[in-house]
Amino acid sequence: MSAVKETSTNFANKQALAEECPEVYAANTIGGQWALVICSWLMKGKLRFGELKRLLPNITERMLTLQLRKLEAKKIVKRTVYAEVPPRVEYELTPIGYELEPVIKQLEKWGEKHKNLR
């Protein structure tokens, strides 16, 4: 995963496009295979980090952490820490996150229909 420098022309172009086009903003927010699949699992209910990791065996812990933080920053996922020993942390979709459900379901249907056409 390559990071785009915030001072680069590419970054400025991406930012301007996202500000102009709501569909680009949405794609940038939920873009990437991991964000979509994390949201798909969280549509079924609250999950702990370890449960998400088991459901996504090919994701690294670092990538899962980064994606959850990104989704939390975008107010799509809520992180709740319980003051227990050991601490328990649960992730769930926010109301904004649940608004993605029909979009994700439609992407799933589209993918099922078209993935074998290659």
N, C-alpha and C. Protein backbone atom coordinates (compact mmCIF):
# COMPACT_ATOMS: atom_id res chain seq x y z
N MET A 1 0.85 -1.17 0.00
CA MET A 1 0.00 0.00 0.00
C MET A 1 0.89 1.23 0.00
N SER A 2 0.80 2.02 -1.03
CA SER A 2 1.64 3.19 -1.09
C SER A 2 0.86 4.41 -0.61
N ALA A 3 1.51 5.18 0.22
CA ALA A 3 0.87 6.39 0.73
C ALA A 3 1.09 7.52 -0.26
N VAL A 4 0.09 8.34 -0.42
CA VAL A 4 0.19 9.49 -1.31
C VAL A 4 0.59 10.68 -0.46
N LYS A 5 1.64 11.37 -0.87
CA LYS A 5 2.09 12.55 -0.14
C LYS A 5 1.01 13.62 -0.21
N GLU A 6 0.74 14.23 0.94
CA GLU A 6 -0.31 15.25 0.99
C GLU A 6 0.05 16.50 0.22
N THR A 7 1.32 16.65 -0.15
CA THR A 7 1.74 17.82 -0.91
C THR A 7 1.78 17.55 -2.41
N SER A 8 1.50 16.33 -2.81
CA SER A 8 1.61 15.97 -4.22
C SER A 8 0.43 16.49 -5.03
N THR A 9 0.66 16.66 -6.32
CA THR A 9 -0.41 17.07 -7.23
C THR A 9 -1.49 16.00 -7.27
N ASN A 10 -1.09 14.73 -7.25
CA ASN A 10 -2.05 13.63 -7.27
C ASN A 10 -3.00 13.72 -6.07
N PHE A 11 -2.45 14.00 -4.90
CA PHE A 11 -3.27 14.12 -3.69
C PHE A 11 -4.25 15.28 -3.84
N ALA A 12 -3.76 16.41 -4.33
CA ALA A 12 -4.61 17.59 -4.51
C ALA A 12 -5.73 17.30 -5.51
N ASN A 13 -5.41 16.60 -6.59
CA ASN A 13 -6.41 16.25 -7.59
C ASN A 13 -7.47 15.31 -7.01
N LYS A 14 -7.02 14.30 -6.25
CA LYS A 14 -7.95 13.36 -5.63
C LYS A 14 -8.88 14.08 -4.66
N GLN A 15 -8.31 15.00 -3.89
CA GLN A 15 -9.10 15.73 -2.90
C GLN A 15 -10.13 16.63 -3.60
N ALA A 16 -9.71 17.33 -4.65
CA ALA A 16 -10.62 18.21 -5.39
C ALA A 16 -11.75 17.40 -6.03
N LEU A 17 -11.40 16.26 -6.60
CA LEU A 17 -12.41 15.40 -7.23
C LEU A 17 -13.40 14.89 -6.19
N ALA A 18 -12.90 14.48 -5.03
CA ALA A 18 -13.78 13.98 -3.97
C ALA A 18 -14.70 15.08 -3.47
N GLU A 19 -14.23 16.32 -3.44
CA GLU A 19 -15.07 17.43 -2.99
C GLU A 19 -16.14 17.77 -4.03
N GLU A 20 -15.81 17.58 -5.30
CA GLU A 20 -16.74 17.89 -6.38
C GLU A 20 -17.78 16.80 -6.60
N CYS A 21 -17.36 15.56 -6.52
CA CYS A 21 -18.21 14.43 -6.90
C CYS A 21 -18.55 13.57 -5.68
N PRO A 22 -19.81 13.52 -5.30
CA PRO A 22 -20.18 12.71 -4.14
C PRO A 22 -19.87 11.23 -4.33
N GLU A 23 -19.95 10.74 -5.58
CA GLU A 23 -19.66 9.31 -5.79
C GLU A 23 -18.18 9.02 -5.58
N VAL A 24 -17.31 9.96 -5.91
CA VAL A 24 -15.86 9.79 -5.68
C VAL A 24 -15.58 9.84 -4.18
N TYR A 25 -16.25 10.76 -3.49
CA TYR A 25 -16.10 10.82 -2.03
C TYR A 25 -16.50 9.48 -1.40
N ALA A 26 -17.63 8.94 -1.83
CA ALA A 26 -18.12 7.67 -1.29
C ALA A 26 -17.14 6.54 -1.60
N ALA A 27 -16.65 6.49 -2.84
CA ALA A 27 -15.71 5.44 -3.23
C ALA A 27 -14.42 5.55 -2.43
N ASN A 28 -13.94 6.76 -2.20
CA ASN A 28 -12.73 6.95 -1.41
C ASN A 28 -12.95 6.54 0.04
N THR A 29 -14.15 6.78 0.55
CA THR A 29 -14.45 6.46 1.94
C THR A 29 -14.55 4.97 2.18
N ILE A 30 -15.27 4.27 1.32
CA ILE A 30 -15.45 2.83 1.53
C ILE A 30 -14.60 2.02 0.57
N GLY A 31 -13.78 2.70 -0.22
CA GLY A 31 -12.96 2.03 -1.22
C GLY A 31 -12.00 1.03 -0.61
N GLY A 32 -11.62 0.11 -1.41
CA GLY A 32 -10.71 -0.93 -0.95
C GLY A 32 -11.47 -2.16 -0.52
N GLN A 33 -10.90 -3.28 -0.79
CA GLN A 33 -11.59 -4.54 -0.51
C GLN A 33 -11.85 -4.75 0.97
N TRP A 34 -10.94 -4.31 1.82
CA TRP A 34 -11.10 -4.60 3.24
C TRP A 34 -12.22 -3.79 3.87
N ALA A 35 -12.34 -2.52 3.54
CA ALA A 35 -13.39 -1.69 4.15
C ALA A 35 -14.77 -2.26 3.84
N LEU A 36 -14.98 -2.66 2.61
CA LEU A 36 -16.28 -3.21 2.23
C LEU A 36 -16.59 -4.51 2.97
N VAL A 37 -15.62 -5.39 3.04
CA VAL A 37 -15.88 -6.69 3.67
C VAL A 37 -16.01 -6.54 5.19
N ILE A 38 -15.27 -5.61 5.79
CA ILE A 38 -15.42 -5.34 7.22
C ILE A 38 -16.84 -4.85 7.48
N CYS A 39 -17.31 -3.91 6.68
CA CYS A 39 -18.68 -3.40 6.83
C CYS A 39 -19.71 -4.51 6.62
N SER A 40 -19.45 -5.39 5.67
CA SER A 40 -20.37 -6.51 5.41
C SER A 40 -20.53 -7.37 6.65
N TRP A 41 -19.42 -7.71 7.30
CA TRP A 41 -19.49 -8.53 8.50
C TRP A 41 -20.17 -7.77 9.64
N LEU A 42 -19.87 -6.47 9.76
CA LEU A 42 -20.46 -5.70 10.86
C LEU A 42 -21.95 -5.44 10.66
N MET A 43 -22.46 -5.61 9.43
CA MET A 43 -23.91 -5.49 9.20
C MET A 43 -24.65 -6.57 9.98
N LYS A 44 -23.97 -7.66 10.30
CA LYS A 44 -24.60 -8.76 11.03
C LYS A 44 -24.62 -8.51 12.54
N GLY A 45 -23.87 -7.49 13.00
CA GLY A 45 -23.85 -7.16 14.43
C GLY A 45 -22.46 -6.83 14.93
N LYS A 46 -22.38 -6.56 16.23
CA LYS A 46 -21.11 -6.18 16.87
C LYS A 46 -20.12 -7.33 16.79
N LEU A 47 -18.85 -6.98 16.59
CA LEU A 47 -17.79 -7.98 16.57
C LEU A 47 -16.56 -7.44 17.28
N ARG A 48 -15.83 -8.35 17.90
CA ARG A 48 -14.56 -7.99 18.51
C ARG A 48 -13.46 -8.10 17.46
N PHE A 49 -12.32 -7.49 17.75
CA PHE A 49 -11.20 -7.49 16.81
C PHE A 49 -10.83 -8.92 16.41
N GLY A 50 -10.68 -9.79 17.40
CA GLY A 50 -10.30 -11.18 17.12
C GLY A 50 -11.31 -11.91 16.26
N GLU A 51 -12.59 -11.61 16.45
CA GLU A 51 -13.63 -12.22 15.62
C GLU A 51 -13.51 -11.75 14.18
N LEU A 52 -13.28 -10.45 14.00
CA LEU A 52 -13.08 -9.93 12.64
C LEU A 52 -11.86 -10.57 12.00
N LYS A 53 -10.79 -10.70 12.76
CA LYS A 53 -9.55 -11.29 12.23
C LYS A 53 -9.80 -12.74 11.79
N ARG A 54 -10.57 -13.49 12.56
CA ARG A 54 -10.89 -14.88 12.18
C ARG A 54 -11.75 -14.93 10.92
N LEU A 55 -12.66 -13.96 10.79
CA LEU A 55 -13.53 -13.92 9.61
C LEU A 55 -12.78 -13.48 8.36
N LEU A 56 -11.66 -12.78 8.55
CA LEU A 56 -10.84 -12.27 7.44
C LEU A 56 -9.42 -12.81 7.58
N PRO A 57 -9.23 -14.10 7.35
CA PRO A 57 -7.91 -14.71 7.63
C PRO A 57 -6.76 -14.16 6.79
N ASN A 58 -7.04 -13.53 5.65
CA ASN A 58 -5.97 -13.03 4.80
C ASN A 58 -5.55 -11.59 5.10
N ILE A 59 -6.22 -10.94 6.04
CA ILE A 59 -5.85 -9.58 6.39
C ILE A 59 -4.84 -9.62 7.54
N THR A 60 -3.86 -8.73 7.49
CA THR A 60 -2.91 -8.66 8.60
C THR A 60 -3.56 -7.88 9.74
N GLU A 61 -3.05 -8.07 10.94
CA GLU A 61 -3.58 -7.33 12.08
C GLU A 61 -3.39 -5.84 11.88
N ARG A 62 -2.25 -5.46 11.31
CA ARG A 62 -1.97 -4.04 11.06
C ARG A 62 -2.98 -3.44 10.07
N MET A 63 -3.26 -4.16 9.00
CA MET A 63 -4.21 -3.65 8.01
C MET A 63 -5.61 -3.58 8.59
N LEU A 64 -6.00 -4.57 9.38
CA LEU A 64 -7.31 -4.55 10.02
C LEU A 64 -7.42 -3.34 10.95
N THR A 65 -6.38 -3.11 11.72
CA THR A 65 -6.36 -1.95 12.62
C THR A 65 -6.48 -0.65 11.84
N LEU A 66 -5.70 -0.52 10.76
CA LEU A 66 -5.73 0.70 9.94
C LEU A 66 -7.11 0.92 9.33
N GLN A 67 -7.71 -0.14 8.82
CA GLN A 67 -9.03 -0.02 8.18
C GLN A 67 -10.10 0.35 9.21
N LEU A 68 -10.04 -0.28 10.39
CA LEU A 68 -11.02 0.04 11.43
C LEU A 68 -10.87 1.49 11.88
N ARG A 69 -9.63 1.96 12.00
CA ARG A 69 -9.40 3.36 12.38
C ARG A 69 -9.94 4.31 11.32
N LYS A 70 -9.72 3.98 10.04
CA LYS A 70 -10.22 4.81 8.95
C LYS A 70 -11.75 4.86 8.98
N LEU A 71 -12.37 3.70 9.14
CA LEU A 71 -13.83 3.64 9.18
C LEU A 71 -14.39 4.36 10.40
N GLU A 72 -13.65 4.29 11.51
CA GLU A 72 -14.06 5.01 12.72
C GLU A 72 -13.94 6.52 12.51
N ALA A 73 -12.86 6.96 11.88
CA ALA A 73 -12.66 8.38 11.61
C ALA A 73 -13.74 8.93 10.68
N LYS A 74 -14.23 8.09 9.77
CA LYS A 74 -15.28 8.51 8.83
C LYS A 74 -16.68 8.33 9.43
N LYS A 75 -16.75 7.94 10.71
CA LYS A 75 -18.02 7.77 11.44
C LYS A 75 -18.88 6.64 10.86
N ILE A 76 -18.22 5.65 10.26
CA ILE A 76 -18.92 4.49 9.71
C ILE A 76 -18.95 3.37 10.74
N VAL A 77 -17.90 3.28 11.54
CA VAL A 77 -17.77 2.25 12.56
C VAL A 77 -17.60 2.93 13.92
N LYS A 78 -18.22 2.33 14.92
CA LYS A 78 -18.07 2.80 16.30
C LYS A 78 -17.26 1.77 17.07
N ARG A 79 -16.30 2.24 17.82
CA ARG A 79 -15.44 1.39 18.65
C ARG A 79 -15.81 1.63 20.10
N THR A 80 -16.15 0.54 20.81
CA THR A 80 -16.51 0.64 22.22
C THR A 80 -15.53 -0.18 23.04
N VAL A 81 -14.91 0.49 24.03
CA VAL A 81 -13.96 -0.18 24.92
C VAL A 81 -14.64 -0.37 26.26
N TYR A 82 -14.64 -1.60 26.75
CA TYR A 82 -15.23 -1.92 28.04
C TYR A 82 -14.13 -2.03 29.07
N ALA A 83 -14.32 -1.39 30.22
CA ALA A 83 -13.32 -1.38 31.29
C ALA A 83 -13.35 -2.71 32.04
N GLU A 84 -12.78 -3.71 31.42
CA GLU A 84 -12.69 -5.04 32.01
C GLU A 84 -11.24 -5.48 31.97
N VAL A 85 -10.93 -6.54 32.66
CA VAL A 85 -9.59 -7.12 32.58
C VAL A 85 -9.75 -8.54 32.07
N PRO A 86 -9.20 -8.87 30.88
CA PRO A 86 -8.56 -7.96 29.93
C PRO A 86 -9.61 -7.06 29.27
N PRO A 87 -9.17 -5.90 28.75
CA PRO A 87 -10.12 -4.99 28.12
C PRO A 87 -10.83 -5.64 26.93
N ARG A 88 -12.10 -5.34 26.80
CA ARG A 88 -12.88 -5.88 25.69
C ARG A 88 -13.22 -4.70 24.78
N VAL A 89 -13.00 -4.88 23.49
CA VAL A 89 -13.29 -3.85 22.50
C VAL A 89 -14.22 -4.44 21.46
N GLU A 90 -15.31 -3.74 21.19
CA GLU A 90 -16.26 -4.18 20.17
C GLU A 90 -16.40 -3.11 19.10
N TYR A 91 -16.63 -3.59 17.89
CA TYR A 91 -16.85 -2.71 16.75
C TYR A 91 -18.25 -2.95 16.22
N GLU A 92 -18.90 -1.86 15.82
CA GLU A 92 -20.23 -1.97 15.23
C GLU A 92 -20.41 -0.83 14.25
N LEU A 93 -21.35 -1.02 13.34
CA LEU A 93 -21.65 0.05 12.40
C LEU A 93 -22.43 1.14 13.11
N THR A 94 -22.19 2.37 12.71
CA THR A 94 -22.97 3.50 13.18
C THR A 94 -24.21 3.60 12.28
N PRO A 95 -25.13 4.49 12.60
CA PRO A 95 -26.26 4.69 11.67
C PRO A 95 -25.78 5.05 10.25
N ILE A 96 -24.72 5.83 10.16
CA ILE A 96 -24.16 6.17 8.84
C ILE A 96 -23.65 4.89 8.17
N GLY A 97 -23.01 4.02 8.93
CA GLY A 97 -22.52 2.76 8.39
C GLY A 97 -23.64 1.87 7.89
N TYR A 98 -24.73 1.82 8.66
CA TYR A 98 -25.87 0.99 8.23
C TYR A 98 -26.51 1.51 6.96
N GLU A 99 -26.36 2.81 6.67
CA GLU A 99 -26.89 3.35 5.41
C GLU A 99 -26.18 2.75 4.20
N LEU A 100 -25.00 2.17 4.41
CA LEU A 100 -24.25 1.54 3.32
C LEU A 100 -24.79 0.16 2.96
N GLU A 101 -25.65 -0.41 3.80
CA GLU A 101 -26.12 -1.77 3.56
C GLU A 101 -26.70 -1.99 2.17
N PRO A 102 -27.64 -1.16 1.69
CA PRO A 102 -28.15 -1.43 0.34
C PRO A 102 -27.08 -1.26 -0.74
N VAL A 103 -26.15 -0.35 -0.52
CA VAL A 103 -25.07 -0.14 -1.50
C VAL A 103 -24.18 -1.39 -1.56
N ILE A 104 -23.80 -1.90 -0.40
CA ILE A 104 -22.93 -3.08 -0.35
C ILE A 104 -23.66 -4.29 -0.92
N LYS A 105 -24.94 -4.45 -0.59
CA LYS A 105 -25.71 -5.57 -1.14
C LYS A 105 -25.79 -5.47 -2.66
N GLN A 106 -25.97 -4.26 -3.19
CA GLN A 106 -26.04 -4.07 -4.64
C GLN A 106 -24.69 -4.38 -5.28
N LEU A 107 -23.60 -3.95 -4.66
CA LEU A 107 -22.26 -4.27 -5.17
C LEU A 107 -22.03 -5.78 -5.17
N GLU A 108 -22.52 -6.45 -4.14
CA GLU A 108 -22.40 -7.91 -4.05
C GLU A 108 -23.15 -8.58 -5.21
N LYS A 109 -24.39 -8.12 -5.46
CA LYS A 109 -25.17 -8.69 -6.57
C LYS A 109 -24.48 -8.44 -7.91
N TRP A 110 -23.98 -7.22 -8.09
CA TRP A 110 -23.28 -6.88 -9.33
C TRP A 110 -22.05 -7.76 -9.50
N GLY A 111 -21.29 -7.94 -8.42
CA GLY A 111 -20.10 -8.77 -8.48
C GLY A 111 -20.41 -10.22 -8.81
N GLU A 112 -21.45 -10.77 -8.19
CA GLU A 112 -21.85 -12.15 -8.48
C GLU A 112 -22.23 -12.30 -9.95
N LYS A 113 -22.92 -11.31 -10.49
CA LYS A 113 -23.39 -11.37 -11.86
C LYS A 113 -22.24 -11.27 -12.87
N HIS A 114 -21.26 -10.42 -12.57
CA HIS A 114 -20.24 -10.10 -13.57
C HIS A 114 -18.87 -10.74 -13.38
N LYS A 115 -18.59 -11.32 -12.22
CA LYS A 115 -17.23 -11.81 -11.99
C LYS A 115 -16.85 -13.00 -12.87
N ASN A 116 -17.80 -13.73 -13.35
CA ASN A 116 -17.49 -14.89 -14.19
C ASN A 116 -17.51 -14.58 -15.69
N LEU A 117 -17.66 -13.32 -16.03
CA LEU A 117 -17.71 -12.91 -17.43
C LEU A 117 -16.33 -12.67 -18.04
N ARG A 118 -15.30 -12.80 -17.26
CA ARG A 118 -13.95 -12.52 -17.75
C ARG A 118 -13.49 -13.52 -18.76
